[in-house]
Protein backbone atom coordinates (compact mmCIF):
# COMPACT_ATOMS: atom_id res chain seq x y z
CA UNK A 1 -0.04 -0.04 0.04
CA UNK A 2 1.24 3.54 -0.72
CA UNK A 3 1.19 6.26 1.82
CA UNK A 4 -1.45 8.85 2.03
CA UNK A 5 0.78 11.69 3.03
CA UNK A 6 4.04 13.12 1.61
CA UNK A 7 6.47 15.74 2.67
CA UNK A 8 8.53 16.97 -0.23
CA UNK A 9 10.53 20.03 -1.50
CA UNK A 10 9.72 21.11 -4.97
CA UNK A 11 12.38 23.04 -6.80
CA UNK A 12 12.11 24.89 -10.14
CA UNK A 13 14.25 27.34 -12.12
CA UNK A 14 12.62 28.70 -15.16
CA UNK A 15 13.71 30.35 -18.43
CA UNK A 16 12.86 33.72 -17.15
CA UNK A 17 15.91 33.45 -14.73
CA UNK A 18 14.03 34.94 -11.71
CA UNK A 19 15.95 32.58 -9.49
CA UNK A 20 15.61 29.20 -7.88
CA UNK A 21 12.21 28.53 -6.51
CA UNK A 22 11.78 26.20 -3.48
CA UNK A 23 8.66 25.10 -1.81
CA UNK A 24 8.10 22.81 1.14
CA UNK A 25 4.91 20.96 0.27
CA UNK A 26 2.58 18.61 2.17
CA UNK A 27 0.56 16.37 -0.04
CA UNK A 28 -2.38 14.17 0.96
CA UNK A 29 -4.15 11.63 -1.23
CA UNK A 30 -7.40 10.00 -0.35
CA UNK A 31 -9.51 7.95 -2.82
CA UNK A 32 -7.40 9.44 -5.73
CA UNK A 33 -8.12 13.00 -4.62
CA UNK A 34 -4.94 14.98 -4.05
CA UNK A 35 -4.66 18.09 -1.82
CA UNK A 36 -1.57 20.27 -1.04
CA UNK A 37 -0.40 22.75 1.46
CA UNK A 38 2.64 24.94 0.66
CA UNK A 39 4.59 25.74 3.76
CA UNK A 40 7.85 27.50 3.68
CA UNK A 41 8.80 28.84 0.23
CA UNK A 42 11.61 31.02 -1.18
CA UNK A 43 13.07 32.34 -4.38
CA UNK A 44 17.05 32.56 -4.28
CA UNK A 45 18.13 34.92 -7.06
CA UNK A 46 21.07 34.34 -9.29
CA UNK A 47 24.12 36.54 -8.88
CA UNK A 48 25.33 38.40 -11.94
CA UNK A 49 27.95 35.76 -12.78
CA UNK A 50 25.28 32.95 -12.84
CA UNK A 51 22.88 35.06 -14.81
CA UNK A 52 25.47 35.62 -17.54
CA UNK A 53 26.34 31.91 -17.65
CA UNK A 54 22.81 30.74 -17.84
CA UNK A 55 22.01 33.30 -20.51
CA UNK A 56 24.96 32.41 -22.73
CA UNK A 57 25.13 28.56 -22.10
CA UNK A 58 23.07 27.82 -25.24
CA UNK A 59 26.22 28.64 -27.13
CA UNK A 60 28.65 26.57 -24.93
CA UNK A 61 30.69 23.64 -26.15
CA UNK A 62 30.06 20.12 -24.83
CA UNK A 63 33.18 20.47 -22.50
CA UNK A 64 31.84 23.76 -21.26
CA UNK A 65 28.41 22.38 -20.67
CA UNK A 66 29.84 19.39 -18.75
CA UNK A 67 31.65 21.76 -16.40
CA UNK A 68 28.62 24.09 -16.08
CA UNK A 69 26.49 21.08 -15.13
CA UNK A 70 28.87 20.13 -12.36
CA UNK A 71 29.06 23.69 -11.07
CA UNK A 72 25.31 24.19 -11.25
CA UNK A 73 24.64 20.83 -9.56
CA UNK A 74 26.84 22.04 -6.66
CA UNK A 75 25.14 25.37 -6.52
CA UNK A 76 21.63 23.95 -6.66
CA UNK A 77 22.36 21.24 -4.11
CA UNK A 78 23.80 23.84 -1.70
CA UNK A 79 20.83 26.06 -2.04
CA UNK A 80 18.49 23.20 -1.44
CA UNK A 81 20.55 22.03 1.66
CA UNK A 82 20.56 25.61 3.03
CA UNK A 83 16.73 25.90 2.70
CA UNK A 84 16.27 22.63 4.51
CA UNK A 85 18.59 23.67 7.40
CA UNK A 86 17.25 27.27 7.59
CA UNK A 87 13.56 26.01 8.02
CA UNK A 88 14.59 23.01 10.06
CA UNK A 89 12.63 20.69 7.69
CA UNK A 90 12.53 17.06 8.77
CA UNK A 91 11.16 13.77 7.65
CA UNK A 92 11.21 14.52 3.94
CA UNK A 93 10.15 11.83 1.46
CA UNK A 94 12.21 13.49 -1.41
CA UNK A 95 13.44 16.69 -3.00
CA UNK A 96 11.83 16.91 -6.43
CA UNK A 97 13.85 19.08 -8.69
CA UNK A 98 13.63 20.17 -12.29
CA UNK A 99 17.01 21.58 -12.67
CA UNK A 100 17.56 24.43 -15.27
CA UNK A 101 16.93 23.97 -18.99
CA UNK A 102 19.91 24.98 -21.24
CA UNK A 103 19.05 23.03 -24.40
CA UNK A 104 15.66 22.09 -25.62
CA UNK A 105 15.65 20.65 -29.15
CA UNK A 106 13.21 17.71 -29.05
CA UNK A 107 13.06 17.56 -32.81
CA UNK A 108 16.81 16.60 -32.53
CA UNK A 109 16.12 14.20 -29.64
CA UNK A 110 17.92 16.55 -27.18
CA UNK A 111 16.98 18.19 -24.05
CA UNK A 112 19.45 19.22 -21.31
CA UNK A 113 18.56 20.26 -17.79
CA UNK A 114 21.59 20.91 -15.73
CA UNK A 115 21.67 20.38 -11.95
CA UNK A 116 20.49 16.71 -12.17
CA UNK A 117 23.81 14.86 -11.63
CA UNK A 118 23.80 11.97 -9.16
CA UNK A 119 25.92 13.83 -6.58
CA UNK A 120 23.02 16.15 -5.94
CA UNK A 121 21.53 13.58 -3.44
CA UNK A 122 24.83 13.60 -1.34
CA UNK A 123 24.93 17.48 -1.40
CA UNK A 124 21.30 17.78 -0.27
CA UNK A 125 21.43 14.67 2.08
CA UNK A 126 17.99 13.54 0.93
CA UNK A 127 16.47 11.31 -1.74
CA UNK A 128 16.26 13.41 -4.99
CA UNK A 129 13.92 12.86 -7.90
CA UNK A 130 14.95 14.88 -10.98
CA UNK A 131 15.63 14.82 -14.67
CA UNK A 132 11.96 14.60 -15.64
CA UNK A 133 12.15 15.40 -19.29
CA UNK A 134 14.79 13.17 -20.91
CA UNK A 135 12.76 9.95 -20.96
CA UNK A 136 9.92 11.72 -22.82
CA UNK A 137 12.17 12.88 -25.54
CA UNK A 138 13.51 9.27 -25.81
CA UNK A 139 9.84 8.20 -26.27
CA UNK A 140 9.46 10.64 -29.24
CA UNK A 141 7.85 13.31 -27.12
CA UNK A 142 8.61 17.13 -26.84
CA UNK A 143 9.70 16.62 -23.19
CA UNK A 144 7.42 19.55 -22.42
CA UNK A 145 5.17 20.75 -20.97
CA UNK A 146 5.23 18.66 -17.88
CA UNK A 147 2.99 20.80 -15.64
CA UNK A 148 -0.43 19.76 -17.19
CA UNK A 149 -0.79 16.48 -15.19
CA UNK A 150 -0.53 18.63 -12.06
CA UNK A 151 -3.20 21.02 -13.50
CA UNK A 152 -5.51 17.90 -14.06
CA UNK A 153 -4.85 16.48 -10.59
CA UNK A 154 -4.78 19.73 -8.45
CA UNK A 155 -6.75 22.26 -10.32
CA UNK A 156 -9.74 20.45 -11.63
CA UNK A 157 -12.17 23.45 -11.10
CA UNK A 158 -10.65 25.52 -13.82
CA UNK A 159 -11.44 25.27 -17.64
CA UNK A 160 -7.83 26.50 -18.45
CA UNK A 161 -4.63 26.72 -16.55
CA UNK A 162 -2.34 29.37 -18.16
CA UNK A 163 1.32 29.94 -17.05
CA UNK A 164 3.01 33.21 -17.95
CA UNK A 165 6.64 32.59 -17.34
CA UNK A 166 9.62 32.92 -19.78
CA UNK A 167 7.10 31.37 -22.14
CA UNK A 168 3.29 30.97 -21.89
CA UNK A 169 1.78 27.59 -21.82
CA UNK A 170 -1.83 26.39 -21.37
CA UNK A 171 -3.46 23.17 -20.44
CA UNK A 172 -7.09 21.96 -20.59
CA UNK A 173 -9.35 18.87 -21.06
CA UNK A 174 -10.64 18.07 -24.46
CA UNK A 175 -12.70 14.90 -25.15
CA UNK A 176 -11.26 13.32 -22.07
CA UNK A 177 -7.66 14.05 -22.89
CA UNK A 178 -5.43 16.63 -21.32
CA UNK A 179 -4.06 18.94 -24.01
CA UNK A 180 -1.29 21.27 -23.38
CA UNK A 181 1.27 23.39 -25.28
CA UNK A 182 3.47 26.38 -25.27
CA UNK A 183 1.68 29.44 -26.69
CA UNK A 184 4.27 32.05 -27.14
CA UNK A 185 7.36 33.68 -25.53
CA UNK A 186 6.50 36.11 -22.66
CA UNK A 187 9.13 37.26 -20.12
CA UNK A 188 12.09 36.06 -22.19
CA UNK A 189 11.21 38.88 -24.61
CA UNK A 190 9.67 41.39 -22.21
CA UNK A 191 12.61 41.16 -19.72
CA UNK A 192 15.21 41.42 -22.55
CA UNK A 193 13.76 44.80 -23.52
CA UNK A 194 13.32 45.92 -19.88
CA UNK A 195 17.07 45.10 -19.33
CA UNK A 196 17.93 47.29 -22.27
CA UNK A 197 16.22 50.14 -20.45
CA UNK A 198 17.99 49.37 -17.21
CA UNK A 199 15.17 47.44 -15.41
CA UNK A 200 15.17 43.78 -14.38
CA UNK A 201 11.43 43.59 -15.60
CA UNK A 202 8.60 45.88 -16.58
CA UNK A 203 6.82 46.55 -13.32
CA UNK A 204 3.09 45.92 -13.87
CA UNK A 205 3.67 46.51 -17.52
CA UNK A 206 3.99 50.23 -17.10
CA UNK A 207 6.72 50.68 -19.87
CA UNK A 208 4.70 48.65 -22.46
CA UNK A 209 1.55 50.64 -21.51
CA UNK A 210 3.33 53.76 -22.49
CA UNK A 211 4.14 52.51 -25.97
CA UNK A 212 2.21 52.15 -29.20
CA UNK A 213 1.42 49.01 -31.16
CA UNK A 214 3.35 48.78 -34.47
CA UNK A 215 0.90 47.10 -36.77
CA UNK A 216 3.64 45.85 -39.21
CA UNK A 217 5.61 44.18 -36.29
CA UNK A 218 2.39 42.84 -34.74
CA UNK A 219 1.34 41.20 -38.06
CA UNK A 220 4.84 39.85 -38.74
CA UNK A 221 5.05 38.33 -35.20
CA UNK A 222 1.59 36.66 -35.62
CA UNK A 223 2.61 35.14 -38.98
CA UNK A 224 5.50 33.23 -37.47
CA UNK A 225 4.97 29.60 -38.54
CA UNK A 226 5.22 28.15 -34.93
CA UNK A 227 1.74 29.51 -34.37
CA UNK A 228 0.10 27.65 -37.26
CA UNK A 229 1.69 24.31 -36.14
CA UNK A 230 -0.66 21.76 -34.47
CA UNK A 231 0.13 20.68 -30.85
CA UNK A 232 2.02 19.01 -29.16
CA UNK A 233 4.52 21.81 -29.50
CA UNK A 234 6.97 23.55 -27.22
CA UNK A 235 9.33 26.53 -27.27
CA UNK A 236 12.88 27.03 -26.09
CA UNK A 237 15.12 30.10 -25.75
CA UNK A 238 16.69 29.16 -29.16
CA UNK A 239 13.41 30.24 -30.78
CA UNK A 240 13.64 33.72 -29.09
CA UNK A 241 17.24 34.16 -29.93
CA UNK A 242 17.06 32.87 -33.54
CA UNK A 243 13.71 34.01 -34.55
CA UNK A 244 11.80 36.49 -32.38
CA UNK A 245 14.56 38.93 -31.36
CA UNK A 246 16.15 39.28 -34.88
CA UNK A 247 12.59 40.04 -36.30
CA UNK A 248 11.88 42.65 -33.61
CA UNK A 249 15.37 44.25 -34.03
CA UNK A 250 14.60 44.91 -37.79
CA UNK A 251 12.28 47.66 -36.55
CA UNK A 252 13.83 50.93 -35.60
CA UNK A 253 11.12 51.97 -33.16
CA UNK A 254 11.17 52.93 -29.53
CA UNK A 255 11.75 50.07 -26.98
CA UNK A 256 8.44 50.87 -25.40
CA UNK A 257 6.57 50.37 -28.70
CA UNK A 258 8.36 46.93 -29.17
CA UNK A 259 7.13 45.94 -25.58
CA UNK A 260 3.74 47.37 -26.26
CA UNK A 261 3.44 45.44 -29.48
CA UNK A 262 4.73 42.19 -27.95
CA UNK A 263 2.19 42.41 -25.18
CA UNK A 264 -0.57 42.63 -27.76
CA UNK A 265 0.97 39.65 -29.59
CA UNK A 266 0.94 37.51 -26.40
CA UNK A 267 -2.66 38.42 -25.78
CA UNK A 268 -3.80 37.80 -29.32
CA UNK A 269 -1.94 34.48 -29.42
CA UNK A 270 -3.55 33.50 -26.16
CA UNK A 271 -6.98 34.14 -27.47
CA UNK A 272 -6.37 32.25 -30.67
CA UNK A 273 -4.96 29.19 -28.70
CA UNK A 274 -8.08 28.44 -26.73
CA UNK A 275 -10.75 26.26 -28.30
CA UNK A 276 -13.54 27.78 -26.22
CA UNK A 277 -13.39 31.22 -24.80
CA UNK A 278 -15.77 30.83 -21.97
CA UNK A 279 -15.42 29.53 -18.36
CA UNK A 280 -12.61 30.07 -15.84
CA UNK A 281 -8.88 30.45 -16.48
CA UNK A 282 -6.22 30.11 -13.75
CA UNK A 283 -3.23 32.40 -14.32
CA UNK A 284 0.04 31.85 -12.63
CA UNK A 285 3.73 32.70 -13.25
CA UNK A 286 5.67 36.00 -13.10
CA UNK A 287 3.57 37.48 -15.99
CA UNK A 288 0.53 37.42 -13.66
CA UNK A 289 1.99 40.45 -12.01
CA UNK A 290 2.05 42.42 -15.36
CA UNK A 291 -1.28 44.17 -15.01
CA UNK A 292 -1.15 45.53 -18.46
CA UNK A 293 -0.67 42.07 -19.96
CA UNK A 294 -3.70 40.67 -18.04
CA UNK A 295 -5.82 43.66 -19.09
CA UNK A 296 -4.99 43.10 -22.75
CA UNK A 297 -5.73 39.32 -22.24
CA UNK A 298 -9.15 40.22 -20.73
CA UNK A 299 -9.81 42.50 -23.67
CA UNK A 300 -9.10 39.70 -26.17
CA UNK A 301 -11.10 37.07 -23.97
CA UNK A 302 -14.15 39.14 -22.70
CA UNK A 303 -16.21 36.07 -21.75
CA UNK A 304 -13.44 34.24 -19.81
CA UNK A 305 -13.09 34.77 -16.10
CA UNK A 306 -9.42 35.24 -15.44
CA UNK A 307 -8.41 34.13 -11.94
CA UNK A 308 -5.09 34.83 -10.10
CA UNK A 309 -4.66 32.46 -7.10
CA UNK A 310 -3.31 32.90 -3.63
CA UNK A 311 0.25 34.30 -3.47
CA UNK A 312 2.03 30.99 -2.64
CA UNK A 313 0.24 29.15 -5.51
CA UNK A 314 0.82 31.95 -7.89
CA UNK A 315 4.60 32.12 -7.14
CA UNK A 316 5.36 28.59 -6.63
CA UNK A 317 2.94 26.61 -8.84
CA UNK A 318 5.75 24.99 -10.91
CA UNK A 319 7.81 24.02 -7.82
CA UNK A 320 4.49 22.66 -6.46
CA UNK A 321 3.77 20.59 -9.49
CA UNK A 322 7.35 19.22 -9.83
CA UNK A 323 6.89 18.23 -6.23
CA UNK A 324 3.82 16.16 -7.30
CA UNK A 325 5.64 14.74 -10.26
CA UNK A 326 8.32 13.55 -7.85
CA UNK A 327 5.79 11.86 -5.58
CA UNK A 328 4.01 10.20 -8.53
CA UNK A 329 7.47 8.81 -9.69
CA UNK A 330 8.10 7.43 -6.13
CA UNK A 331 4.69 5.78 -6.46
CA UNK A 332 5.61 4.41 -10.02
CA UNK A 333 2.40 6.26 -11.26
CA UNK A 334 2.07 8.10 -14.60
CA UNK A 335 3.46 11.64 -14.40
CA UNK A 336 3.82 12.53 -18.04
CA UNK A 337 0.89 12.40 -20.54
CA UNK A 338 1.44 11.43 -24.09
CA UNK A 339 -1.60 13.62 -25.12
CA UNK A 340 0.43 16.62 -24.02
CA UNK A 341 4.00 15.81 -25.12
CA UNK A 342 3.29 13.58 -28.19
CA UNK A 343 5.31 10.66 -26.71
CA UNK A 344 4.42 7.13 -27.79
CA UNK A 345 2.82 6.35 -24.45
CA UNK A 346 2.02 7.72 -21.02
CA UNK A 347 4.91 7.09 -18.60
CA UNK A 348 6.40 7.59 -15.14
CA UNK A 349 9.54 9.81 -15.65
CA UNK A 350 12.33 11.06 -13.44
CA UNK A 351 15.57 9.68 -12.08
CA UNK A 352 15.68 8.76 -8.33
CA UNK A 353 19.00 9.29 -6.49
CA UNK A 354 19.28 8.04 -2.93
CA UNK A 355 21.74 9.74 -0.63
């Protein structure tokens, strides 16, 4: 018999490079109904050196990537260990860690999340479940998104679950299957332009709000062929670097106008991605703090109720769900859905390292 309660730490580092999210979570399961409580939670920001490494690693050689993986595993393990000590967390079933995505090219059978080397369990001093994406790519899947099974299990009352992080992704039920895919870049682009103006991010979307939509750029962004592809599909930073930014940089317009246009692009693509524009949509991720972005979404989706959850769920939803994925892996239960990733079958993914 499996247990009915689990204590885990969920760990996530996203493409928007906000930092390492850690959440101590208590899960209970009773008659297949899962519930959660997020206890201590924290985001540890990256210093300038690590930000630079993570931003440029897409161009690293194999040897440089190997060294980076070793260094990042030490960093991540130390951060997790310090979090456990600081909050005196005891009796953990596992630490469930995503690592940090450096390369994501499922079409080439490649996805690399650093921070998932076996020595992480020794550094942390706990059982670690990690490296959730590789198996799916080997099974012909996109290796992403992985969060939708958590949406299905933990957030059943919503018609749509939308995450606004470095990229936006949505998940929903359609004819008894969970469907999910990446919609568009979000903070990978908005933060790039905010950084050019000397800001870490565009607070509440106020810079974008001050700009004007450039209709030619707007039309060109919307005509990118990714948007017409069928799902399953996913995006990586390579797409932003190779396609989106070069396109935007062709336009000699004010940075605020580029940001305003891109906000409109995100909102329009979100509207086009949803098969039915009624009901309730849960919005999480850093983009949920961008008031102007959510206003433009509401403009494009007037009949959909947009709901931003309690602060801990808003800020730590991905860490929460990777915690759940780890628990499901410990139980040998399905934690990746082929309807979402395009893999040949549903499967239980993740590597378990014992300390």
